[in-house]
Amino acid sequence: SIIKAMLKAPIQGEGIPNKGTPQGGILSPLLSNIVLNELDWWIS
């Protein structure tokens, strides 16, 4: 629930996002690797 709230954090001048993990966030690279993990194993 905390990570969901983090993903919905308002972006200055843009409002609340409905998708994406903001580049610049410390947790974003790890979250992106979680998303790509299935693709990595499929390609393998």
All heavy atoms as atom14 arrays in JSON, in Angstrom:
{
  "sequence": "SIIKAMLKAPIQGEGIPNKGTPQGGILSPLLSNIVLNELDWWIS",
  "atom14_mask": [
    [1, 1, 1, 1, 1, 1, 0, 0, 0, 0, 0, 0, 0, 0],
    [1, 1, 1, 1, 1, 1, 1, 1, 0, 0, 0, 0, 0, 0],
    [1, 1, 1, 1, 1, 1, 1, 1, 0, 0, 0, 0, 0, 0],
    [1, 1, 1, 1, 1, 1, 1, 1, 1, 0, 0, 0, 0, 0],
    [1, 1, 1, 1, 1, 0, 0, 0, 0, 0, 0, 0, 0, 0],
    [1, 1, 1, 1, 1, 1, 1, 1, 0, 0, 0, 0, 0, 0],
    [1, 1, 1, 1, 1, 1, 1, 1, 0, 0, 0, 0, 0, 0],
    [1, 1, 1, 1, 1, 1, 1, 1, 1, 0, 0, 0, 0, 0],
    [1, 1, 1, 1, 1, 0, 0, 0, 0, 0, 0, 0, 0, 0],
    [1, 1, 1, 1, 1, 1, 1, 0, 0, 0, 0, 0, 0, 0],
    [1, 1, 1, 1, 1, 1, 1, 1, 0, 0, 0, 0, 0, 0],
    [1, 1, 1, 1, 1, 1, 1, 1, 1, 0, 0, 0, 0, 0],
    [1, 1, 1, 1, 0, 0, 0, 0, 0, 0, 0, 0, 0, 0],
    [1, 1, 1, 1, 1, 1, 1, 1, 1, 0, 0, 0, 0, 0],
    [1, 1, 1, 1, 0, 0, 0, 0, 0, 0, 0, 0, 0, 0],
    [1, 1, 1, 1, 1, 1, 1, 1, 0, 0, 0, 0, 0, 0],
    [1, 1, 1, 1, 1, 1, 1, 0, 0, 0, 0, 0, 0, 0],
    [1, 1, 1, 1, 1, 1, 1, 1, 0, 0, 0, 0, 0, 0],
    [1, 1, 1, 1, 1, 1, 1, 1, 1, 0, 0, 0, 0, 0],
    [1, 1, 1, 1, 0, 0, 0, 0, 0, 0, 0, 0, 0, 0],
    [1, 1, 1, 1, 1, 1, 1, 0, 0, 0, 0, 0, 0, 0],
    [1, 1, 1, 1, 1, 1, 1, 0, 0, 0, 0, 0, 0, 0],
    [1, 1, 1, 1, 1, 1, 1, 1, 1, 0, 0, 0, 0, 0],
    [1, 1, 1, 1, 0, 0, 0, 0, 0, 0, 0, 0, 0, 0],
    [1, 1, 1, 1, 0, 0, 0, 0, 0, 0, 0, 0, 0, 0],
    [1, 1, 1, 1, 1, 1, 1, 1, 0, 0, 0, 0, 0, 0],
    [1, 1, 1, 1, 1, 1, 1, 1, 0, 0, 0, 0, 0, 0],
    [1, 1, 1, 1, 1, 1, 0, 0, 0, 0, 0, 0, 0, 0],
    [1, 1, 1, 1, 1, 1, 1, 0, 0, 0, 0, 0, 0, 0],
    [1, 1, 1, 1, 1, 1, 1, 1, 0, 0, 0, 0, 0, 0],
    [1, 1, 1, 1, 1, 1, 1, 1, 0, 0, 0, 0, 0, 0],
    [1, 1, 1, 1, 1, 1, 0, 0, 0, 0, 0, 0, 0, 0],
    [1, 1, 1, 1, 1, 1, 1, 1, 0, 0, 0, 0, 0, 0],
    [1, 1, 1, 1, 1, 1, 1, 1, 0, 0, 0, 0, 0, 0],
    [1, 1, 1, 1, 1, 1, 1, 0, 0, 0, 0, 0, 0, 0],
    [1, 1, 1, 1, 1, 1, 1, 1, 0, 0, 0, 0, 0, 0],
    [1, 1, 1, 1, 1, 1, 1, 1, 0, 0, 0, 0, 0, 0],
    [1, 1, 1, 1, 1, 1, 1, 1, 1, 0, 0, 0, 0, 0],
    [1, 1, 1, 1, 1, 1, 1, 1, 0, 0, 0, 0, 0, 0],
    [1, 1, 1, 1, 1, 1, 1, 1, 0, 0, 0, 0, 0, 0],
    [1, 1, 1, 1, 1, 1, 1, 1, 1, 1, 1, 1, 1, 1],
    [1, 1, 1, 1, 1, 1, 1, 1, 1, 1, 1, 1, 1, 1],
    [1, 1, 1, 1, 1, 1, 1, 1, 0, 0, 0, 0, 0, 0],
    [1, 1, 1, 1, 1, 1, 0, 0, 0, 0, 0, 0, 0, 0]
  ],
  "atom14_positions": [
    [[0.83, -1.21, 0.0], [0.0, 0.0, 0.0], [0.86, 1.25, 0.0], [0.5, 2.27, -0.62], [-0.94, 0.0, 1.21], [-0.22, 0.18, 2.43], [0.0, 0.0, 0.0], [0.0, 0.0, 0.0], [0.0, 0.0, 0.0], [0.0, 0.0, 0.0], [0.0, 0.0, 0.0], [0.0, 0.0, 0.0], [0.0, 0.0, 0.0], [0.0, 0.0, 0.0]],
    [[2.02, 1.21, 0.68], [2.94, 2.35, 0.7], [3.53, 2.57, -0.7], [3.62, 3.71, -1.17], [4.06, 2.11, 1.73], [3.5, 2.22, 3.15], [5.21, 3.11, 1.54], [4.49, 1.83, 4.23], [0.0, 0.0, 0.0], [0.0, 0.0, 0.0], [0.0, 0.0, 0.0], [0.0, 0.0, 0.0], [0.0, 0.0, 0.0], [0.0, 0.0, 0.0]],
    [[3.92, 1.48, -1.35], [4.49, 1.61, -2.7], [3.43, 2.12, -3.68], [3.73, 2.95, -4.56], [5.07, 0.26, -3.16], [6.31, -0.07, -2.3], [5.45, 0.3, -4.65], [6.92, -1.42, -2.58], [0.0, 0.0, 0.0], [0.0, 0.0, 0.0], [0.0, 0.0, 0.0], [0.0, 0.0, 0.0], [0.0, 0.0, 0.0], [0.0, 0.0, 0.0]],
    [[2.19, 1.67, -3.53], [1.11, 2.19, -4.37], [0.96, 3.69, -4.18], [0.81, 4.45, -5.15], [-0.21, 1.49, -4.02], [-0.36, 0.08, -4.57], [-1.72, -0.48, -4.18], [-1.95, -1.86, -4.75], [-3.28, -2.41, -4.35], [0.0, 0.0, 0.0], [0.0, 0.0, 0.0], [0.0, 0.0, 0.0], [0.0, 0.0, 0.0], [0.0, 0.0, 0.0]],
    [[0.99, 4.14, -2.92], [0.88, 5.57, -2.63], [2.06, 6.33, -3.22], [1.9, 7.45, -3.75], [0.81, 5.79, -1.12], [0.0, 0.0, 0.0], [0.0, 0.0, 0.0], [0.0, 0.0, 0.0], [0.0, 0.0, 0.0], [0.0, 0.0, 0.0], [0.0, 0.0, 0.0], [0.0, 0.0, 0.0], [0.0, 0.0, 0.0], [0.0, 0.0, 0.0]],
    [[3.24, 5.74, -3.15], [4.44, 6.35, -3.7], [4.32, 6.55, -5.21], [4.72, 7.58, -5.77], [5.64, 5.44, -3.38], [7.0, 6.07, -3.52], [8.24, 4.88, -2.97], [7.84, 4.77, -1.23], [0.0, 0.0, 0.0], [0.0, 0.0, 0.0], [0.0, 0.0, 0.0], [0.0, 0.0, 0.0], [0.0, 0.0, 0.0], [0.0, 0.0, 0.0]],
    [[3.77, 5.54, -5.89], [3.59, 5.61, -7.34], [2.57, 6.68, -7.73], [2.59, 7.19, -8.85], [3.15, 4.25, -7.88], [4.19, 3.12, -7.79], [3.55, 1.78, -8.13], [5.38, 3.4, -8.71], [0.0, 0.0, 0.0], [0.0, 0.0, 0.0], [0.0, 0.0, 0.0], [0.0, 0.0, 0.0], [0.0, 0.0, 0.0], [0.0, 0.0, 0.0]],
    [[1.66, 6.99, -6.79], [0.62, 7.98, -7.05], [0.98, 9.37, -6.5], [0.11, 10.25, -6.44], [-0.7, 7.52, -6.43], [-1.26, 6.23, -7.0], [-1.7, 6.38, -8.44], [-2.36, 5.11, -8.95], [-2.74, 5.24, -10.39], [0.0, 0.0, 0.0], [0.0, 0.0, 0.0], [0.0, 0.0, 0.0], [0.0, 0.0, 0.0], [0.0, 0.0, 0.0]],
    [[2.22, 9.55, -6.11], [2.64, 10.85, -5.58], [2.42, 11.94, -6.63], [2.81, 11.76, -7.79], [4.11, 10.81, -5.16], [0.0, 0.0, 0.0], [0.0, 0.0, 0.0], [0.0, 0.0, 0.0], [0.0, 0.0, 0.0], [0.0, 0.0, 0.0], [0.0, 0.0, 0.0], [0.0, 0.0, 0.0], [0.0, 0.0, 0.0], [0.0, 0.0, 0.0]],
    [[1.8, 13.07, -6.26], [1.57, 14.15, -7.23], [2.89, 14.67, -7.8], [3.88, 14.8, -7.07], [0.87, 15.23, -6.4], [0.37, 14.53, -5.19], [1.3, 13.4, -4.92], [0.0, 0.0, 0.0], [0.0, 0.0, 0.0], [0.0, 0.0, 0.0], [0.0, 0.0, 0.0], [0.0, 0.0, 0.0], [0.0, 0.0, 0.0], [0.0, 0.0, 0.0]],
    [[2.89, 14.95, -9.1], [4.06, 15.51, -9.76], [3.84, 16.99, -10.01], [2.78, 17.38, -10.53], [4.36, 14.77, -11.08], [4.64, 13.29, -10.8], [5.54, 15.41, -11.81], [4.86, 12.44, -12.04], [0.0, 0.0, 0.0], [0.0, 0.0, 0.0], [0.0, 0.0, 0.0], [0.0, 0.0, 0.0], [0.0, 0.0, 0.0], [0.0, 0.0, 0.0]],
    [[4.79, 17.78, -9.65], [4.68, 19.23, -9.75], [4.26, 19.65, -11.16], [4.92, 19.35, -12.14], [6.04, 19.85, -9.39], [6.04, 21.36, -9.27], [7.43, 21.87, -8.91], [8.43, 21.43, -9.45], [7.48, 22.79, -7.97], [0.0, 0.0, 0.0], [0.0, 0.0, 0.0], [0.0, 0.0, 0.0], [0.0, 0.0, 0.0], [0.0, 0.0, 0.0]],
    [[3.15, 20.38, -11.23], [2.68, 20.89, -12.52], [1.97, 19.88, -13.39], [1.5, 20.22, -14.48], [0.0, 0.0, 0.0], [0.0, 0.0, 0.0], [0.0, 0.0, 0.0], [0.0, 0.0, 0.0], [0.0, 0.0, 0.0], [0.0, 0.0, 0.0], [0.0, 0.0, 0.0], [0.0, 0.0, 0.0], [0.0, 0.0, 0.0], [0.0, 0.0, 0.0]],
    [[1.87, 18.62, -12.94], [1.26, 17.58, -13.78], [0.12, 16.84, -13.1], [-0.72, 16.23, -13.76], [2.33, 16.57, -14.22], [3.43, 17.19, -15.07], [4.5, 16.19, -15.45], [4.24, 14.97, -15.35], [5.6, 16.62, -15.85], [0.0, 0.0, 0.0], [0.0, 0.0, 0.0], [0.0, 0.0, 0.0], [0.0, 0.0, 0.0], [0.0, 0.0, 0.0]],
    [[0.09, 16.82, -11.79], [-0.97, 16.12, -11.07], [-0.59, 14.7, -10.7], [0.6, 14.35, -10.66], [0.0, 0.0, 0.0], [0.0, 0.0, 0.0], [0.0, 0.0, 0.0], [0.0, 0.0, 0.0], [0.0, 0.0, 0.0], [0.0, 0.0, 0.0], [0.0, 0.0, 0.0], [0.0, 0.0, 0.0], [0.0, 0.0, 0.0], [0.0, 0.0, 0.0]],
    [[-1.57, 13.86, -10.46], [-1.36, 12.48, -10.0], [-1.2, 11.55, -11.2], [-2.1, 11.48, -12.05], [-2.53, 12.01, -9.12], [-2.62, 12.91, -7.87], [-2.36, 10.55, -8.71], [-3.83, 12.62, -6.99], [0.0, 0.0, 0.0], [0.0, 0.0, 0.0], [0.0, 0.0, 0.0], [0.0, 0.0, 0.0], [0.0, 0.0, 0.0], [0.0, 0.0, 0.0]],
    [[-0.1, 10.82, -11.3], [0.1, 9.92, -12.43], [-0.72, 8.65, -12.29], [-1.01, 8.2, -11.18], [1.6, 9.61, -12.37], [1.94, 9.73, -10.91], [1.05, 10.81, -10.37], [0.0, 0.0, 0.0], [0.0, 0.0, 0.0], [0.0, 0.0, 0.0], [0.0, 0.0, 0.0], [0.0, 0.0, 0.0], [0.0, 0.0, 0.0], [0.0, 0.0, 0.0]],
    [[-1.12, 8.07, -13.42], [-1.82, 6.79, -13.39], [-0.96, 5.64, -13.89], [-1.4, 4.5, -13.99], [-3.13, 6.86, -14.2], [-2.89, 7.29, -15.65], [-1.78, 7.2, -16.17], [-3.93, 7.78, -16.29], [0.0, 0.0, 0.0], [0.0, 0.0, 0.0], [0.0, 0.0, 0.0], [0.0, 0.0, 0.0], [0.0, 0.0, 0.0], [0.0, 0.0, 0.0]],
    [[0.3, 5.95, -14.22], [1.25, 4.93, -14.65], [2.66, 5.49, -14.48], [2.86, 6.68, -14.28], [1.02, 4.52, -16.1], [1.15, 5.68, -17.1], [0.89, 5.21, -18.52], [1.02, 6.4, -19.49], [0.79, 5.97, -20.9], [0.0, 0.0, 0.0], [0.0, 0.0, 0.0], [0.0, 0.0, 0.0], [0.0, 0.0, 0.0], [0.0, 0.0, 0.0]],
    [[3.65, 4.59, -14.56], [5.05, 5.02, -14.52], [5.66, 5.03, -13.12], [4.97, 5.05, -12.11], [0.0, 0.0, 0.0], [0.0, 0.0, 0.0], [0.0, 0.0, 0.0], [0.0, 0.0, 0.0], [0.0, 0.0, 0.0], [0.0, 0.0, 0.0], [0.0, 0.0, 0.0], [0.0, 0.0, 0.0], [0.0, 0.0, 0.0], [0.0, 0.0, 0.0]],
    [[7.0, 4.97, -13.12], [7.79, 5.16, -11.9], [8.76, 6.29, -12.18], [9.6, 6.17, -13.05], [8.58, 3.88, -11.53], [9.44, 3.53, -12.63], [7.65, 2.73, -11.26], [0.0, 0.0, 0.0], [0.0, 0.0, 0.0], [0.0, 0.0, 0.0], [0.0, 0.0, 0.0], [0.0, 0.0, 0.0], [0.0, 0.0, 0.0], [0.0, 0.0, 0.0]],
    [[8.65, 7.42, -11.49], [9.41, 8.62, -11.85], [10.92, 8.4, -11.87], [11.48, 7.89, -10.9], [9.02, 9.62, -10.75], [7.74, 9.1, -10.19], [7.81, 7.62, -10.31], [0.0, 0.0, 0.0], [0.0, 0.0, 0.0], [0.0, 0.0, 0.0], [0.0, 0.0, 0.0], [0.0, 0.0, 0.0], [0.0, 0.0, 0.0], [0.0, 0.0, 0.0]],
    [[11.56, 8.75, -12.98], [13.02, 8.72, -13.02], [13.53, 9.78, -12.04], [13.08, 10.91, -12.05], [13.52, 9.04, -14.43], [13.16, 7.99, -15.46], [13.83, 8.27, -16.8], [15.04, 8.26, -16.9], [13.01, 8.5, -17.81], [0.0, 0.0, 0.0], [0.0, 0.0, 0.0], [0.0, 0.0, 0.0], [0.0, 0.0, 0.0], [0.0, 0.0, 0.0]],
    [[14.48, 9.38, -11.22], [14.98, 10.26, -10.17], [14.62, 9.75, -8.8], [15.25, 10.1, -7.81], [0.0, 0.0, 0.0], [0.0, 0.0, 0.0], [0.0, 0.0, 0.0], [0.0, 0.0, 0.0], [0.0, 0.0, 0.0], [0.0, 0.0, 0.0], [0.0, 0.0, 0.0], [0.0, 0.0, 0.0], [0.0, 0.0, 0.0], [0.0, 0.0, 0.0]],
    [[13.59, 8.87, -8.73], [13.23, 8.25, -7.46], [14.19, 7.12, -7.13], [14.58, 6.34, -8.0], [0.0, 0.0, 0.0], [0.0, 0.0, 0.0], [0.0, 0.0, 0.0], [0.0, 0.0, 0.0], [0.0, 0.0, 0.0], [0.0, 0.0, 0.0], [0.0, 0.0, 0.0], [0.0, 0.0, 0.0], [0.0, 0.0, 0.0], [0.0, 0.0, 0.0]],
    [[14.58, 7.01, -5.87], [15.56, 6.02, -5.44], [15.05, 4.59, -5.68], [15.81, 3.69, -6.04], [15.91, 6.23, -3.96], [16.74, 7.51, -3.8], [16.66, 5.03, -3.38], [17.01, 7.89, -2.37], [0.0, 0.0, 0.0], [0.0, 0.0, 0.0], [0.0, 0.0, 0.0], [0.0, 0.0, 0.0], [0.0, 0.0, 0.0], [0.0, 0.0, 0.0]],
    [[13.76, 4.39, -5.5], [13.19, 3.05, -5.62], [12.88, 2.67, -7.06], [12.73, 1.48, -7.38], [11.92, 2.97, -4.77], [11.35, 1.58, -4.46], [12.39, 0.7, -3.75], [10.09, 1.7, -3.62], [0.0, 0.0, 0.0], [0.0, 0.0, 0.0], [0.0, 0.0, 0.0], [0.0, 0.0, 0.0], [0.0, 0.0, 0.0], [0.0, 0.0, 0.0]],
    [[12.8, 3.65, -7.96], [12.37, 3.4, -9.34], [13.22, 2.37, -10.1], [12.66, 1.5, -10.78], [12.32, 4.71, -10.12], [11.28, 5.54, -9.64], [0.0, 0.0, 0.0], [0.0, 0.0, 0.0], [0.0, 0.0, 0.0], [0.0, 0.0, 0.0], [0.0, 0.0, 0.0], [0.0, 0.0, 0.0], [0.0, 0.0, 0.0], [0.0, 0.0, 0.0]],
    [[14.56, 2.41, -10.03], [15.34, 1.41, -10.76], [15.04, -0.02, -10.32], [14.96, -0.93, -11.16], [16.8, 1.79, -10.44], [16.74, 3.25, -10.14], [15.43, 3.44, -9.42], [0.0, 0.0, 0.0], [0.0, 0.0, 0.0], [0.0, 0.0, 0.0], [0.0, 0.0, 0.0], [0.0, 0.0, 0.0], [0.0, 0.0, 0.0], [0.0, 0.0, 0.0]],
    [[14.85, -0.24, -9.02], [14.52, -1.58, -8.54], [13.14, -2.0, -9.02], [12.94, -3.14, -9.46], [14.59, -1.63, -7.01], [14.23, -2.98, -6.37], [15.15, -4.09, -6.86], [14.28, -2.88, -4.85], [0.0, 0.0, 0.0], [0.0, 0.0, 0.0], [0.0, 0.0, 0.0], [0.0, 0.0, 0.0], [0.0, 0.0, 0.0], [0.0, 0.0, 0.0]],
    [[12.18, -1.09, -8.97], [10.84, -1.41, -9.44], [10.84, -1.72, -10.93], [10.12, -2.62, -11.4], [9.88, -0.24, -9.15], [9.64, 0.09, -7.67], [8.68, 1.27, -7.54], [9.11, -1.12, -6.9], [0.0, 0.0, 0.0], [0.0, 0.0, 0.0], [0.0, 0.0, 0.0], [0.0, 0.0, 0.0], [0.0, 0.0, 0.0], [0.0, 0.0, 0.0]],
    [[11.66, -1.01, -11.7], [11.74, -1.28, -13.13], [12.32, -2.66, -13.4], [11.89, -3.36, -14.32], [12.59, -0.2, -13.83], [13.96, -0.33, -13.51], [0.0, 0.0, 0.0], [0.0, 0.0, 0.0], [0.0, 0.0, 0.0], [0.0, 0.0, 0.0], [0.0, 0.0, 0.0], [0.0, 0.0, 0.0], [0.0, 0.0, 0.0], [0.0, 0.0, 0.0]],
    [[13.3, -3.07, -12.6], [13.87, -4.41, -12.76], [12.86, -5.5, -12.4], [12.88, -6.59, -12.98], [15.13, -4.55, -11.92], [16.36, -4.0, -12.62], [16.37, -3.83, -13.82], [17.39, -3.7, -11.85], [0.0, 0.0, 0.0], [0.0, 0.0, 0.0], [0.0, 0.0, 0.0], [0.0, 0.0, 0.0], [0.0, 0.0, 0.0], [0.0, 0.0, 0.0]],
    [[12.0, -5.2, -11.43], [10.94, -6.16, -11.09], [10.02, -6.35, -12.3], [9.63, -7.47, -12.64], [10.14, -5.67, -9.87], [11.01, -5.73, -8.6], [8.88, -6.51, -9.66], [10.36, -5.12, -7.36], [0.0, 0.0, 0.0], [0.0, 0.0, 0.0], [0.0, 0.0, 0.0], [0.0, 0.0, 0.0], [0.0, 0.0, 0.0], [0.0, 0.0, 0.0]],
    [[9.68, -5.25, -12.96], [8.81, -5.31, -14.14], [9.48, -6.1, -15.27], [8.83, -6.89, -15.96], [8.44, -3.9, -14.62], [7.67, -3.95, -15.94], [7.6, -3.17, -13.56], [0.0, 0.0, 0.0], [0.0, 0.0, 0.0], [0.0, 0.0, 0.0], [0.0, 0.0, 0.0], [0.0, 0.0, 0.0], [0.0, 0.0, 0.0], [0.0, 0.0, 0.0]],
    [[10.78, -5.89, -15.46], [11.5, -6.51, -16.57], [11.95, -7.94, -16.28], [12.43, -8.62, -17.19], [12.72, -5.66, -16.94], [12.42, -4.3, -17.57], [13.71, -3.5, -17.73], [11.74, -4.47, -18.92], [0.0, 0.0, 0.0], [0.0, 0.0, 0.0], [0.0, 0.0, 0.0], [0.0, 0.0, 0.0], [0.0, 0.0, 0.0], [0.0, 0.0, 0.0]],
    [[11.8, -8.39, -15.04], [12.32, -9.7, -14.67], [11.69, -10.83, -15.49], [12.39, -11.75, -15.94], [12.08, -9.95, -13.17], [12.77, -11.21, -12.67], [13.94, -11.45, -12.96], [12.04, -12.02, -11.93], [0.0, 0.0, 0.0], [0.0, 0.0, 0.0], [0.0, 0.0, 0.0], [0.0, 0.0, 0.0], [0.0, 0.0, 0.0], [0.0, 0.0, 0.0]],
    [[10.39, -10.78, -15.7], [9.72, -11.81, -16.49], [10.26, -11.83, -17.92], [10.45, -12.9, -18.51], [8.21, -11.58, -16.51], [7.52, -11.91, -15.19], [6.01, -11.73, -15.28], [5.51, -11.49, -16.41], [5.35, -11.82, -14.24], [0.0, 0.0, 0.0], [0.0, 0.0, 0.0], [0.0, 0.0, 0.0], [0.0, 0.0, 0.0], [0.0, 0.0, 0.0]],
    [[10.5, -10.64, -18.49], [11.04, -10.56, -19.84], [12.44, -11.17, -19.9], [12.77, -11.91, -20.84], [11.09, -9.1, -20.3], [11.72, -8.85, -21.69], [10.92, -9.55, -22.78], [11.82, -7.34, -21.96], [0.0, 0.0, 0.0], [0.0, 0.0, 0.0], [0.0, 0.0, 0.0], [0.0, 0.0, 0.0], [0.0, 0.0, 0.0], [0.0, 0.0, 0.0]],
    [[13.26, -10.88, -18.89], [14.62, -11.44, -18.85], [14.58, -12.97, -18.88], [15.31, -13.61, -19.65], [15.34, -10.99, -17.58], [15.7, -9.51, -17.6], [15.79, -8.95, -18.7], [15.87, -8.92, -16.51], [0.0, 0.0, 0.0], [0.0, 0.0, 0.0], [0.0, 0.0, 0.0], [0.0, 0.0, 0.0], [0.0, 0.0, 0.0], [0.0, 0.0, 0.0]],
    [[13.73, -13.55, -18.04], [13.67, -15.01, -17.96], [13.06, -15.61, -19.22], [13.45, -16.71, -19.64], [12.89, -15.45, -16.72], [13.68, -15.31, -15.46], [13.58, -14.34, -14.51], [14.74, -16.17, -15.02], [14.49, -14.54, -13.5], [15.22, -15.66, -13.79], [15.32, -17.32, -15.54], [16.25, -16.26, -13.07], [16.35, -17.93, -14.83], [16.8, -17.4, -13.62]],
    [[12.11, -14.9, -19.84], [11.51, -15.41, -21.09], [12.54, -15.43, -22.21], [12.65, -16.42, -22.94], [10.31, -14.55, -21.49], [9.7, -15.03, -22.78], [8.84, -16.08, -22.95], [9.95, -14.5, -24.09], [8.52, -16.23, -24.28], [9.18, -15.28, -25.0], [10.73, -13.45, -24.58], [9.18, -15.04, -26.38], [10.73, -13.21, -25.94], [9.97, -13.99, -26.83]],
    [[13.28, -14.33, -22.34], [14.33, -14.28, -23.37], [15.34, -15.39, -23.14], [15.78, -16.07, -24.08], [15.02, -12.9, -23.37], [14.06, -11.83, -23.89], [16.29, -12.93, -24.22], [14.6, -10.42, -23.81], [0.0, 0.0, 0.0], [0.0, 0.0, 0.0], [0.0, 0.0, 0.0], [0.0, 0.0, 0.0], [0.0, 0.0, 0.0], [0.0, 0.0, 0.0]],
    [[15.69, -15.6, -21.89], [16.64, -16.66, -21.55], [16.1, -18.03, -21.95], [16.83, -18.88, -22.47], [16.95, -16.63, -20.06], [17.81, -17.69, -19.69], [0.0, 0.0, 0.0], [0.0, 0.0, 0.0], [0.0, 0.0, 0.0], [0.0, 0.0, 0.0], [0.0, 0.0, 0.0], [0.0, 0.0, 0.0], [0.0, 0.0, 0.0], [0.0, 0.0, 0.0]]
  ]
}
